[in-house]
Amino acid sequence: MAGYDILKEAIINGDDKEVEAQVRKALDSGTAASDVMANGLIAGMRVVGQRFRAGEMFLPEVLLSAEVMHKGLDILNPLLAKSGHTRLGKVVIGTVEGDIHDIGKRIVSSLLEGNGFEVTDLGVDVKADTFIKAVEEIKPDFLGMSALLTTTMPHMEEVIDLLKEKKLREKMKIIVGGASVNDQFAKTIGADSYAPEAGSAVEWMIKSLTK
């Protein structure tokens, strides 16, 4: 397992060359792509998430770890697709209409991918119809919405109301977050959960899959 230890450290330290080298080395030795992802990339990003929550890693470091993790995933994804490997769950995520704040959402997306989820990030300033279309096409297990501005928060309820209209609401769990959002607001609009920060969003989704 020493090879995985080196790979995990490379993820944590944001060393892209080492990540690529260790992923290729593991594959060349005959290790399955799914094992490399689980024991190397996901294990490394899990440590990143834990350290971020504990205040031991900061935003630029988390984003760098996520970036190099994607370098490893780029190598593994074609092999995972061929092997029919299934991800932990599907997530559609985006910042609601009128809001262009992206950093918190990007961290959540990266940590989710690092924990084995298949993530479709719709970006920022996402209209309600775009969320609905993505839900219809992707059929996610989770829908995540972010808002930083109080003026854009009502768009979260708009999306949920549209999902109810189209009888899609019960097909997934909905989690909301952002500086302007709180637990009471999440309950009021009919979301399943509120995440005060990225790590708790990921933990809640993982726990929800086992219930």
C-alpha atoms as a PDB file:
ATOM      1  CA  MET A   1       0.000   0.000   0.000  1.00  0.00           C
ATOM      2  CA  ALA A   2       3.016   2.296   0.084  1.00  0.00           C
ATOM      3  CA  GLY A   3       2.218   3.373  -3.468  1.00  0.00           C
ATOM      4  CA  TYR A   4      -1.192   4.556  -2.354  1.00  0.00           C
ATOM      5  CA  ASP A   5       0.372   6.447   0.533  1.00  0.00           C
ATOM      6  CA  ILE A   6       2.535   8.342  -1.938  1.00  0.00           C
ATOM      7  CA  LEU A   7      -0.476   9.000  -4.187  1.00  0.00           C
ATOM      8  CA  LYS A   8      -2.576  10.247  -1.270  1.00  0.00           C
ATOM      9  CA  GLU A   9       0.204  12.566  -0.150  1.00  0.00           C
ATOM     10  CA  ALA A  10       0.546  13.873  -3.696  1.00  0.00           C
ATOM     11  CA  ILE A  11      -3.184  14.688  -3.735  1.00  0.00           C
ATOM     12  CA  ILE A  12      -2.961  16.426  -0.357  1.00  0.00           C
ATOM     13  CA  ASN A  13       0.135  18.385  -1.405  1.00  0.00           C
ATOM     14  CA  GLY A  14      -1.259  19.322  -4.826  1.00  0.00           C
ATOM     15  CA  ASP A  15       1.586  17.652  -6.738  1.00  0.00           C
ATOM     16  CA  ASP A  16       0.128  16.982 -10.188  1.00  0.00           C
ATOM     17  CA  LYS A  17       3.199  15.294 -11.677  1.00  0.00           C
ATOM     18  CA  GLU A  18       3.434  12.860  -8.769  1.00  0.00           C
ATOM     19  CA  VAL A  19      -0.294  12.114  -8.962  1.00  0.00           C
ATOM     20  CA  GLU A  20      -0.058  11.266 -12.657  1.00  0.00           C
ATOM     21  CA  ALA A  21       3.092   9.203 -12.130  1.00  0.00           C
ATOM     22  CA  GLN A  22       1.618   7.206  -9.236  1.00  0.00           C
ATOM     23  CA  VAL A  23      -1.676   6.555 -11.038  1.00  0.00           C
ATOM     24  CA  ARG A  24       0.168   5.260 -14.117  1.00  0.00           C
ATOM     25  CA  LYS A  25       2.540   3.201 -11.957  1.00  0.00           C
ATOM     26  CA  ALA A  26      -0.393   1.542 -10.178  1.00  0.00           C
ATOM     27  CA  LEU A  27      -2.155   0.783 -13.460  1.00  0.00           C
ATOM     28  CA  ASP A  28       1.043  -0.577 -15.016  1.00  0.00           C
ATOM     29  CA  SER A  29       1.398  -2.973 -12.086  1.00  0.00           C
ATOM     30  CA  GLY A  30      -2.035  -4.409 -12.926  1.00  0.00           C
ATOM     31  CA  THR A  31      -4.088  -2.629 -10.273  1.00  0.00           C
ATOM     32  CA  ALA A  32      -7.729  -2.036 -11.226  1.00  0.00           C
ATOM     33  CA  ALA A  33      -8.678   1.549 -12.019  1.00  0.00           C
ATOM     34  CA  SER A  34     -11.485   1.391  -9.432  1.00  0.00           C
ATOM     35  CA  ASP A  35      -8.958   0.451  -6.720  1.00  0.00           C
ATOM     36  CA  VAL A  36      -6.661   3.325  -7.683  1.00  0.00           C
ATOM     37  CA  MET A  37      -9.583   5.727  -7.499  1.00  0.00           C
ATOM     38  CA  ALA A  38     -10.888   4.422  -4.167  1.00  0.00           C
ATOM     39  CA  ASN A  39      -7.604   3.884  -2.318  1.00  0.00           C
ATOM     40  CA  GLY A  40      -5.628   6.733  -3.885  1.00  0.00           C
ATOM     41  CA  LEU A  41      -7.693   9.634  -5.205  1.00  0.00           C
ATOM     42  CA  ILE A  42     -10.757   9.313  -2.994  1.00  0.00           C
ATOM     43  CA  ALA A  43      -8.698   8.497   0.095  1.00  0.00           C
ATOM     44  CA  GLY A  44      -6.505  11.539  -0.511  1.00  0.00           C
ATOM     45  CA  MET A  45      -9.437  13.903  -1.053  1.00  0.00           C
ATOM     46  CA  ARG A  46     -11.128  12.540   2.065  1.00  0.00           C
ATOM     47  CA  VAL A  47      -8.119  13.670   4.096  1.00  0.00           C
ATOM     48  CA  VAL A  48      -8.274  17.056   2.345  1.00  0.00           C
ATOM     49  CA  GLY A  49     -11.921  17.394   3.342  1.00  0.00           C
ATOM     50  CA  GLN A  50     -11.189  16.477   6.946  1.00  0.00           C
ATOM     51  CA  ARG A  51      -8.300  18.941   7.167  1.00  0.00           C
ATOM     52  CA  PHE A  52     -10.360  21.701   5.546  1.00  0.00           C
ATOM     53  CA  ARG A  53     -13.129  21.220   8.120  1.00  0.00           C
ATOM     54  CA  ALA A  54     -10.574  21.267  10.923  1.00  0.00           C
ATOM     55  CA  GLY A  55      -9.039  24.507   9.635  1.00  0.00           C
ATOM     56  CA  GLU A  56      -5.749  22.770   8.831  1.00  0.00           C
ATOM     57  CA  MET A  57      -6.073  23.389   5.075  1.00  0.00           C
ATOM     58  CA  PHE A  58      -7.297  26.542   3.387  1.00  0.00           C
ATOM     59  CA  LEU A  59      -9.297  27.321   0.278  1.00  0.00           C
ATOM     60  CA  PRO A  60      -6.419  27.675  -2.238  1.00  0.00           C
ATOM     61  CA  GLU A  61      -4.921  24.378  -1.038  1.00  0.00           C
ATOM     62  CA  VAL A  62      -8.257  22.563  -1.341  1.00  0.00           C
ATOM     63  CA  LEU A  63      -8.777  23.864  -4.868  1.00  0.00           C
ATOM     64  CA  LEU A  64      -5.238  22.797  -5.828  1.00  0.00           C
ATOM     65  CA  SER A  65      -5.823  19.296  -4.414  1.00  0.00           C
ATOM     66  CA  ALA A  66      -9.063  19.089  -6.371  1.00  0.00           C
ATOM     67  CA  GLU A  67      -7.288  20.173  -9.539  1.00  0.00           C
ATOM     68  CA  VAL A  68      -4.600  17.505  -9.277  1.00  0.00           C
ATOM     69  CA  MET A  69      -7.198  14.888  -8.302  1.00  0.00           C
ATOM     70  CA  HIS A  70      -8.867  15.613 -11.657  1.00  0.00           C
ATOM     71  CA  LYS A  71      -5.545  14.946 -13.412  1.00  0.00           C
ATOM     72  CA  GLY A  72      -5.667  11.452 -11.950  1.00  0.00           C
ATOM     73  CA  LEU A  73      -9.342  11.042 -12.832  1.00  0.00           C
ATOM     74  CA  ASP A  74      -8.625  12.013 -16.438  1.00  0.00           C
ATOM     75  CA  ILE A  75      -6.373   8.954 -16.679  1.00  0.00           C
ATOM     76  CA  LEU A  76      -8.786   6.642 -14.860  1.00  0.00           C
ATOM     77  CA  ASN A  77     -12.146   7.660 -16.342  1.00  0.00           C
ATOM     78  CA  PRO A  78     -11.804   5.878 -19.712  1.00  0.00           C
ATOM     79  CA  LEU A  79     -10.830   2.669 -17.895  1.00  0.00           C
ATOM     80  CA  LEU A  80     -13.634   3.042 -15.361  1.00  0.00           C
ATOM     81  CA  ALA A  81     -16.151   3.509 -18.179  1.00  0.00           C
ATOM     82  CA  LYS A  82     -14.909   0.359 -19.934  1.00  0.00           C
ATOM     83  CA  SER A  83     -15.171  -1.686 -16.752  1.00  0.00           C
ATOM     84  CA  GLY A  84     -18.730  -0.503 -16.090  1.00  0.00           C
ATOM     85  CA  HIS A  85     -17.703   0.978 -12.742  1.00  0.00           C
ATOM     86  CA  THR A  86     -20.576   2.722 -10.982  1.00  0.00           C
ATOM     87  CA  ARG A  87     -20.086   5.882  -8.936  1.00  0.00           C
ATOM     88  CA  LEU A  88     -21.400   6.362  -5.410  1.00  0.00           C
ATOM     89  CA  GLY A  89     -24.307   8.529  -6.557  1.00  0.00           C
ATOM     90  CA  LYS A  90     -25.281  11.255  -9.022  1.00  0.00           C
ATOM     91  CA  VAL A  91     -25.350  14.932  -8.056  1.00  0.00           C
ATOM     92  CA  VAL A  92     -26.563  17.973  -9.972  1.00  0.00           C
ATOM     93  CA  ILE A  93     -25.298  21.216  -8.459  1.00  0.00           C
ATOM     94  CA  GLY A  94     -25.405  24.905  -9.337  1.00  0.00           C
ATOM     95  CA  THR A  95     -25.578  28.497  -8.095  1.00  0.00           C
ATOM     96  CA  VAL A  96     -29.077  29.899  -8.605  1.00  0.00           C
ATOM     97  CA  GLU A  97     -30.186  32.580 -11.065  1.00  0.00           C
ATOM     98  CA  GLY A  98     -28.823  36.081 -10.440  1.00  0.00           C
ATOM     99  CA  ASP A  99     -25.906  34.836  -8.338  1.00  0.00           C
ATOM    100  CA  ILE A 100     -22.391  34.381  -9.731  1.00  0.00           C
ATOM    101  CA  HIS A 101     -20.602  33.221  -6.564  1.00  0.00           C
ATOM    102  CA  ASP A 102     -18.733  30.058  -7.359  1.00  0.00           C
ATOM    103  CA  ILE A 103     -16.017  29.153  -4.854  1.00  0.00           C
ATOM    104  CA  GLY A 104     -18.105  27.353  -2.224  1.00  0.00           C
ATOM    105  CA  LYS A 105     -19.916  25.360  -4.872  1.00  0.00           C
ATOM    106  CA  ARG A 106     -16.634  24.420  -6.554  1.00  0.00           C
ATOM    107  CA  ILE A 107     -15.279  23.066  -3.265  1.00  0.00           C
ATOM    108  CA  VAL A 108     -18.431  20.995  -2.700  1.00  0.00           C
ATOM    109  CA  SER A 109     -18.227  19.634  -6.267  1.00  0.00           C
ATOM    110  CA  SER A 110     -14.562  18.727  -5.884  1.00  0.00           C
ATOM    111  CA  LEU A 111     -15.033  17.013  -2.523  1.00  0.00           C
ATOM    112  CA  LEU A 112     -18.012  15.083  -3.890  1.00  0.00           C
ATOM    113  CA  GLU A 113     -16.004  13.873  -6.896  1.00  0.00           C
ATOM    114  CA  GLY A 114     -13.158  13.035  -4.562  1.00  0.00           C
ATOM    115  CA  ASN A 115     -15.542  10.865  -2.556  1.00  0.00           C
ATOM    116  CA  GLY A 116     -16.733   8.927  -5.597  1.00  0.00           C
ATOM    117  CA  PHE A 117     -19.833  10.856  -6.688  1.00  0.00           C
ATOM    118  CA  GLU A 118     -20.643  11.648 -10.316  1.00  0.00           C
ATOM    119  CA  VAL A 119     -21.134  15.416 -10.332  1.00  0.00           C
ATOM    120  CA  THR A 120     -22.771  17.606 -12.959  1.00  0.00           C
ATOM    121  CA  ASP A 121     -21.891  21.216 -12.116  1.00  0.00           C
ATOM    122  CA  LEU A 122     -24.250  23.591 -13.936  1.00  0.00           C
ATOM    123  CA  GLY A 123     -22.146  26.617 -12.991  1.00  0.00           C
ATOM    124  CA  VAL A 124     -23.478  29.973 -11.800  1.00  0.00           C
ATOM    125  CA  ASP A 125     -26.545  32.103 -12.567  1.00  0.00           C
ATOM    126  CA  VAL A 126     -28.519  28.918 -13.300  1.00  0.00           C
ATOM    127  CA  LYS A 127     -32.158  29.438 -14.227  1.00  0.00           C
ATOM    128  CA  ALA A 128     -34.862  27.232 -12.720  1.00  0.00           C
ATOM    129  CA  ASP A 129     -35.658  25.676 -16.111  1.00  0.00           C
ATOM    130  CA  THR A 130     -32.006  24.655 -16.491  1.00  0.00           C
ATOM    131  CA  PHE A 131     -32.064  22.860 -13.132  1.00  0.00           C
ATOM    132  CA  ILE A 132     -35.269  21.062 -14.142  1.00  0.00           C
ATOM    133  CA  LYS A 133     -33.863  20.002 -17.522  1.00  0.00           C
ATOM    134  CA  ALA A 134     -30.709  18.625 -15.862  1.00  0.00           C
ATOM    135  CA  VAL A 135     -32.780  16.691 -13.325  1.00  0.00           C
ATOM    136  CA  GLU A 136     -34.938  15.204 -16.089  1.00  0.00           C
ATOM    137  CA  GLU A 137     -31.914  14.157 -18.157  1.00  0.00           C
ATOM    138  CA  ILE A 138     -29.486  13.018 -15.437  1.00  0.00           C
ATOM    139  CA  LYS A 139     -31.934  11.641 -12.843  1.00  0.00           C
ATOM    140  CA  PRO A 140     -29.647  12.535  -9.915  1.00  0.00           C
ATOM    141  CA  ASP A 141     -29.797  11.195  -6.389  1.00  0.00           C
ATOM    142  CA  PHE A 142     -29.137  14.704  -5.097  1.00  0.00           C
ATOM    143  CA  LEU A 143     -29.728  18.283  -6.203  1.00  0.00           C
ATOM    144  CA  GLY A 144     -27.514  20.952  -4.627  1.00  0.00           C
ATOM    145  CA  MET A 145     -28.254  24.681  -4.884  1.00  0.00           C
ATOM    146  CA  SER A 146     -26.103  27.560  -3.683  1.00  0.00           C
ATOM    147  CA  ALA A 147     -26.836  31.258  -3.107  1.00  0.00           C
ATOM    148  CA  LEU A 148     -24.743  33.967  -1.503  1.00  0.00           C
ATOM    149  CA  LEU A 149     -27.088  36.921  -2.011  1.00  0.00           C
ATOM    150  CA  THR A 150     -30.353  37.242  -0.069  1.00  0.00           C
ATOM    151  CA  THR A 151     -31.974  38.584  -3.242  1.00  0.00           C
ATOM    152  CA  THR A 152     -31.325  35.310  -5.086  1.00  0.00           C
ATOM    153  CA  MET A 153     -32.478  32.925  -2.328  1.00  0.00           C
ATOM    154  CA  PRO A 154     -36.124  32.851  -3.560  1.00  0.00           C
ATOM    155  CA  HIS A 155     -34.936  31.136  -6.755  1.00  0.00           C
ATOM    156  CA  MET A 156     -34.207  28.028  -4.657  1.00  0.00           C
ATOM    157  CA  GLU A 157     -37.887  27.787  -3.741  1.00  0.00           C
ATOM    158  CA  GLU A 158     -38.807  28.439  -7.380  1.00  0.00           C
ATOM    159  CA  VAL A 159     -36.781  25.379  -8.437  1.00  0.00           C
ATOM    160  CA  ILE A 160     -38.355  23.191  -5.747  1.00  0.00           C
ATOM    161  CA  ASP A 161     -41.867  24.348  -6.674  1.00  0.00           C
ATOM    162  CA  LEU A 162     -41.185  23.530 -10.332  1.00  0.00           C
ATOM    163  CA  LEU A 163     -39.921  20.079  -9.373  1.00  0.00           C
ATOM    164  CA  LYS A 164     -43.151  19.484  -7.436  1.00  0.00           C
ATOM    165  CA  GLU A 165     -45.197  20.669 -10.410  1.00  0.00           C
ATOM    166  CA  LYS A 166     -43.463  18.195 -12.675  1.00  0.00           C
ATOM    167  CA  LYS A 167     -43.711  15.429 -10.069  1.00  0.00           C
ATOM    168  CA  LEU A 168     -39.909  15.181  -9.836  1.00  0.00           C
ATOM    169  CA  ARG A 169     -39.431  16.389  -6.252  1.00  0.00           C
ATOM    170  CA  GLU A 170     -39.628  12.978  -4.575  1.00  0.00           C
ATOM    171  CA  LYS A 171     -37.110  11.430  -6.955  1.00  0.00           C
ATOM    172  CA  MET A 172     -34.081  13.054  -5.263  1.00  0.00           C
ATOM    173  CA  LYS A 173     -32.886  14.719  -2.083  1.00  0.00           C
ATOM    174  CA  ILE A 174     -32.247  18.460  -2.123  1.00  0.00           C
ATOM    175  CA  ILE A 175     -29.524  20.261  -0.188  1.00  0.00           C
ATOM    176  CA  VAL A 176     -28.967  24.028  -0.124  1.00  0.00           C
ATOM    177  CA  GLY A 177     -26.110  26.213   1.078  1.00  0.00           C
ATOM    178  CA  GLY A 178     -24.404  29.576   0.854  1.00  0.00           C
ATOM    179  CA  ALA A 179     -23.665  32.476   3.152  1.00  0.00           C
ATOM    180  CA  SER A 180     -27.222  33.837   3.113  1.00  0.00           C
ATOM    181  CA  VAL A 181     -28.912  30.473   3.687  1.00  0.00           C
ATOM    182  CA  ASN A 182     -29.687  28.826   7.027  1.00  0.00           C
ATOM    183  CA  ASP A 183     -31.412  25.707   8.338  1.00  0.00           C
ATOM    184  CA  GLN A 184     -34.736  27.454   8.931  1.00  0.00           C
ATOM    185  CA  PHE A 185     -34.829  28.767   5.362  1.00  0.00           C
ATOM    186  CA  ALA A 186     -34.056  25.290   4.000  1.00  0.00           C
ATOM    187  CA  LYS A 187     -36.994  23.831   5.935  1.00  0.00           C
ATOM    188  CA  THR A 188     -39.310  26.668   4.854  1.00  0.00           C
ATOM    189  CA  ILE A 189     -38.710  26.086   1.136  1.00  0.00           C
ATOM    190  CA  GLY A 190     -38.949  22.304   1.428  1.00  0.00           C
ATOM    191  CA  ALA A 191     -35.295  21.305   1.017  1.00  0.00           C
ATOM    192  CA  ASP A 192     -34.091  18.129   2.731  1.00  0.00           C
ATOM    193  CA  SER A 193     -30.978  19.648   4.260  1.00  0.00           C
ATOM    194  CA  TYR A 194     -28.831  22.742   4.740  1.00  0.00           C
ATOM    195  CA  ALA A 195     -25.028  22.592   4.660  1.00  0.00           C
ATOM    196  CA  PRO A 196     -23.124  25.337   6.503  1.00  0.00           C
ATOM    197  CA  GLU A 197     -19.926  24.320   4.699  1.00  0.00           C
ATOM    198  CA  ALA A 198     -18.603  21.909   2.087  1.00  0.00           C
ATOM    199  CA  GLY A 199     -17.557  19.021   4.335  1.00  0.00           C
ATOM    200  CA  SER A 200     -20.955  18.715   5.984  1.00  0.00           C
ATOM    201  CA  ALA A 201     -22.679  18.646   2.573  1.00  0.00           C
ATOM    202  CA  VAL A 202     -20.574  15.677   1.497  1.00  0.00           C
ATOM    203  CA  GLU A 203     -21.046  13.853   4.818  1.00  0.00           C
ATOM    204  CA  TRP A 204     -24.817  14.303   4.654  1.00  0.00           C
ATOM    205  CA  MET A 205     -24.997  12.914   1.122  1.00  0.00           C
ATOM    206  CA  ILE A 206     -22.897   9.880   2.011  1.00  0.00           C
ATOM    207  CA  LYS A 207     -25.059   9.174   5.091  1.00  0.00           C
ATOM    208  CA  SER A 208     -28.251   9.645   3.060  1.00  0.00           C
ATOM    209  CA  LEU A 209     -27.218   6.866   0.690  1.00  0.00           C
ATOM    210  CA  THR A 210     -26.989   4.372   3.536  1.00  0.00           C
ATOM    211  CA  LYS A 211     -30.396   5.190   5.050  1.00  0.00           C
END
